[in-house]
Each structure stands twice: as structure tokens, then as C-alpha cells.
Amino acid sequence: MGALAEQAIAKLRVERDETLRTLLPIDEADCRLPAKWAGTDRTVNFLLRHLTSHQLDHLQHVQKLLRGRQHSLTEPQILLMKAHALQGEMEALLLSLTDEDFLKEGPNEGDWSVQRLAEHLCEVERGYREEMRSSIQKAHAGS
């Protein structure tokens, strides 16, 4: 990974974290509130939808730039990109919960709380990562 990309990602994460902190608490009624964008009357919902599509537009733009440079992603990069996208969805979902909702177990006997599910995801991710790292290191050491 390049240092410049890591710096850009750090800035993007700061902005997204602030966006999530600010906007996750809004409700459906808030989405109907008037808002302005580029001097045009809109709604909060319009801005939310366009924030999402703006991100997608630029993701596609970066992909096009890289394709023009004959830069193709490896299968591991694609799979990790998908895993990271799912992580973003999980983060936004978890951040929308109150502490009570986070700790509450499911309605059925043996159901885990969201907290336990998050802990499980951490444990399993660590396990997968370390097993893959170990396997790769062993294979490279043996070559």
C-alpha cells in the first residue's frame, strides 16, 4: 500500500465517521425536510441518495482510470474489497444501535446479542487472517 493512498483513506474515514455520527440518528420524517443543493430546492432524502450515488460515480471513475492503465485487480484484492464493503455496512448498522440494542440478546434461547456477534466477527477474522498469513509464510519459506 502506498503512503499517499493511506493518507487519503484516513481523511475519507474521518469525513465518513462524522457523516455517520451526524446522520444516523435521523428518521424518515427528517428525510422529507427541505434542503438546498447547488442553489436548488431539494430534500434531505434527495441529498442522502445523491451522497451515495456520488460515491459510486467516483468508485467507477477510479476503476475506469485504472483499467485505462491496464491495472487489473487480483482475485484476493476483489474479495478483500467486497469484505471491506460489507464491513462498512456492518459498521453503519452497529453505529445506529443504542447500547441497550447492542447488548440485548435475540428472542430465542441461545440467540446472541449484537455485541457477541461483533466479538465473534473479530475472532473469526483474526483466525482467517492468521491462518492465511501462516500458510503463505510457510509456503514461501519452503520455496
Protein backbone atom coordinates (compact mmCIF):
# COMPACT_ATOMS: atom_id res chain seq x y z
CA MET A 1 0.00 0.00 0.00
CA GLY A 2 1.19 3.46 -0.82
CA ALA A 3 1.53 6.10 1.87
CA LEU A 4 -0.43 8.67 -0.15
CA ALA A 5 -3.38 6.29 -0.55
CA GLU A 6 -3.30 5.56 3.19
CA GLN A 7 -3.38 9.31 3.94
CA ALA A 8 -6.32 9.84 1.58
CA ILE A 9 -8.19 6.92 3.15
CA ALA A 10 -7.59 8.32 6.63
CA LYS A 11 -9.16 11.63 5.55
CA LEU A 12 -12.10 9.84 3.92
CA ARG A 13 -12.68 7.83 7.11
CA VAL A 14 -12.71 10.99 9.24
CA GLU A 15 -15.36 12.50 6.99
CA ARG A 16 -17.45 9.32 6.84
CA ASP A 17 -17.27 8.86 10.61
CA GLU A 18 -18.56 12.41 11.09
CA THR A 19 -21.29 11.83 8.50
CA LEU A 20 -22.40 8.67 10.31
CA ARG A 21 -22.35 10.36 13.73
CA THR A 22 -24.36 13.25 12.37
CA LEU A 23 -26.87 11.49 10.14
CA LEU A 24 -27.51 8.01 11.53
CA PRO A 25 -29.94 9.36 14.15
CA ILE A 26 -32.25 10.98 11.58
CA ASP A 27 -35.62 9.36 10.94
CA GLU A 28 -37.99 9.04 7.98
CA ALA A 29 -39.70 12.35 8.79
CA ASP A 30 -36.32 14.12 8.69
CA CYS A 31 -35.82 12.80 5.16
CA ARG A 32 -38.78 14.86 3.96
CA LEU A 33 -37.33 18.12 5.29
CA PRO A 34 -36.37 20.76 2.75
CA ALA A 35 -32.72 21.19 1.88
CA LYS A 36 -30.75 23.11 -0.72
CA TRP A 37 -28.10 21.75 -3.04
CA ALA A 38 -26.33 23.87 -5.65
CA GLY A 39 -28.96 26.58 -5.19
CA THR A 40 -31.83 24.20 -5.90
CA ASP A 41 -34.61 23.21 -3.52
CA ARG A 42 -34.28 19.55 -2.57
CA THR A 43 -34.99 17.31 0.42
CA VAL A 44 -32.72 15.64 2.93
CA ASN A 45 -33.66 12.31 1.30
CA PHE A 46 -32.52 13.62 -2.10
CA LEU A 47 -29.16 14.60 -0.60
CA LEU A 48 -28.74 11.19 1.08
CA ARG A 49 -29.42 9.41 -2.18
CA HIS A 50 -27.03 11.63 -4.08
CA LEU A 51 -24.30 11.24 -1.47
CA THR A 52 -24.49 7.50 -2.12
CA SER A 53 -24.55 7.79 -5.91
CA HIS A 54 -21.69 10.32 -5.81
CA GLN A 55 -19.50 7.77 -4.05
CA LEU A 56 -20.47 5.13 -6.61
CA ASP A 57 -19.75 7.51 -9.51
CA HIS A 58 -16.23 8.12 -8.27
CA LEU A 59 -15.59 4.47 -7.50
CA GLN A 60 -16.43 3.74 -11.11
CA HIS A 61 -14.23 6.65 -12.21
CA VAL A 62 -11.23 5.25 -10.31
CA GLN A 63 -11.90 1.80 -11.79
CA LYS A 64 -12.01 3.34 -15.29
CA LEU A 65 -8.73 5.20 -14.70
CA LEU A 66 -7.05 2.02 -13.53
CA ARG A 67 -8.47 -0.02 -16.41
CA GLY A 68 -7.06 2.60 -18.80
CA ARG A 69 -3.65 1.94 -17.26
CA GLN A 70 -4.13 -1.81 -17.70
CA HIS A 71 -4.25 -2.17 -13.93
CA SER A 72 -6.38 -5.17 -13.06
CA LEU A 73 -7.33 -6.35 -9.64
CA THR A 74 -6.27 -9.75 -8.41
CA GLU A 75 -8.85 -12.15 -7.02
CA PRO A 76 -7.60 -11.54 -3.45
CA GLN A 77 -7.98 -7.78 -3.97
CA ILE A 78 -11.52 -8.19 -5.29
CA LEU A 79 -12.54 -10.48 -2.43
CA LEU A 80 -11.00 -8.19 0.20
CA MET A 81 -12.71 -5.19 -1.43
CA LYS A 82 -16.06 -6.97 -1.11
CA ALA A 83 -15.32 -7.94 2.51
CA HIS A 84 -14.40 -4.35 3.28
CA ALA A 85 -17.64 -3.07 1.70
CA LEU A 86 -19.61 -5.46 3.91
CA GLN A 87 -17.64 -4.20 6.91
CA GLY A 88 -18.79 -0.68 6.08
CA GLU A 89 -22.41 -1.82 6.04
CA MET A 90 -21.93 -3.61 9.35
CA GLU A 91 -20.29 -0.53 10.91
CA ALA A 92 -23.13 1.77 9.87
CA LEU A 93 -25.69 -0.72 11.16
CA LEU A 94 -23.93 -1.15 14.51
CA LEU A 95 -23.48 2.60 14.93
CA SER A 96 -27.24 3.05 14.52
CA LEU A 97 -27.91 0.99 17.67
CA THR A 98 -28.33 2.19 21.22
CA ASP A 99 -26.21 0.48 23.88
CA GLU A 100 -29.35 -1.36 25.00
CA ASP A 101 -29.99 -2.68 21.49
CA PHE A 102 -26.32 -3.62 21.18
CA LEU A 103 -26.39 -5.71 24.36
CA LYS A 104 -29.86 -7.26 24.04
CA GLU A 105 -29.96 -10.94 23.12
CA GLY A 106 -32.33 -12.29 20.46
CA PRO A 107 -35.81 -13.58 21.27
CA ASN A 108 -34.91 -17.29 21.01
CA GLU A 109 -32.96 -19.34 23.52
CA GLY A 110 -29.28 -19.22 22.64
CA ASP A 111 -29.58 -16.14 20.42
CA TRP A 112 -26.52 -13.94 20.62
CA SER A 113 -26.54 -10.23 21.25
CA VAL A 114 -25.20 -7.89 18.59
CA GLN A 115 -22.21 -7.37 20.88
CA ARG A 116 -21.46 -11.10 20.85
CA LEU A 117 -21.87 -11.22 17.07
CA ALA A 118 -19.38 -8.35 16.71
CA GLU A 119 -16.93 -10.12 19.03
CA HIS A 120 -17.39 -13.32 17.01
CA LEU A 121 -16.66 -11.46 13.76
CA CYS A 122 -13.42 -10.13 15.27
CA GLU A 123 -12.37 -13.59 16.47
CA VAL A 124 -13.13 -15.27 13.16
CA GLU A 125 -11.46 -12.52 11.11
CA ARG A 126 -8.34 -12.86 13.22
CA GLY A 127 -8.42 -16.63 12.76
CA TYR A 128 -8.80 -16.45 8.98
CA ARG A 129 -6.10 -13.77 8.68
CA GLU A 130 -3.57 -15.59 10.83
CA GLU A 131 -4.16 -18.95 9.12
CA MET A 132 -3.71 -17.40 5.68
CA ARG A 133 -0.62 -15.47 6.81
CA SER A 134 0.88 -18.59 8.33
CA SER A 135 0.14 -20.72 5.24
CA ILE A 136 1.68 -18.15 2.92
CA GLN A 137 4.76 -17.70 5.11
CA LYS A 138 5.30 -21.48 5.29
CA ALA A 139 4.94 -21.85 1.55
CA HIS A 140 7.38 -19.01 0.87
CA ALA A 141 9.86 -20.34 3.41
CA GLY A 142 9.78 -23.73 1.71
CA SER A 143 10.41 -22.35 -1.77
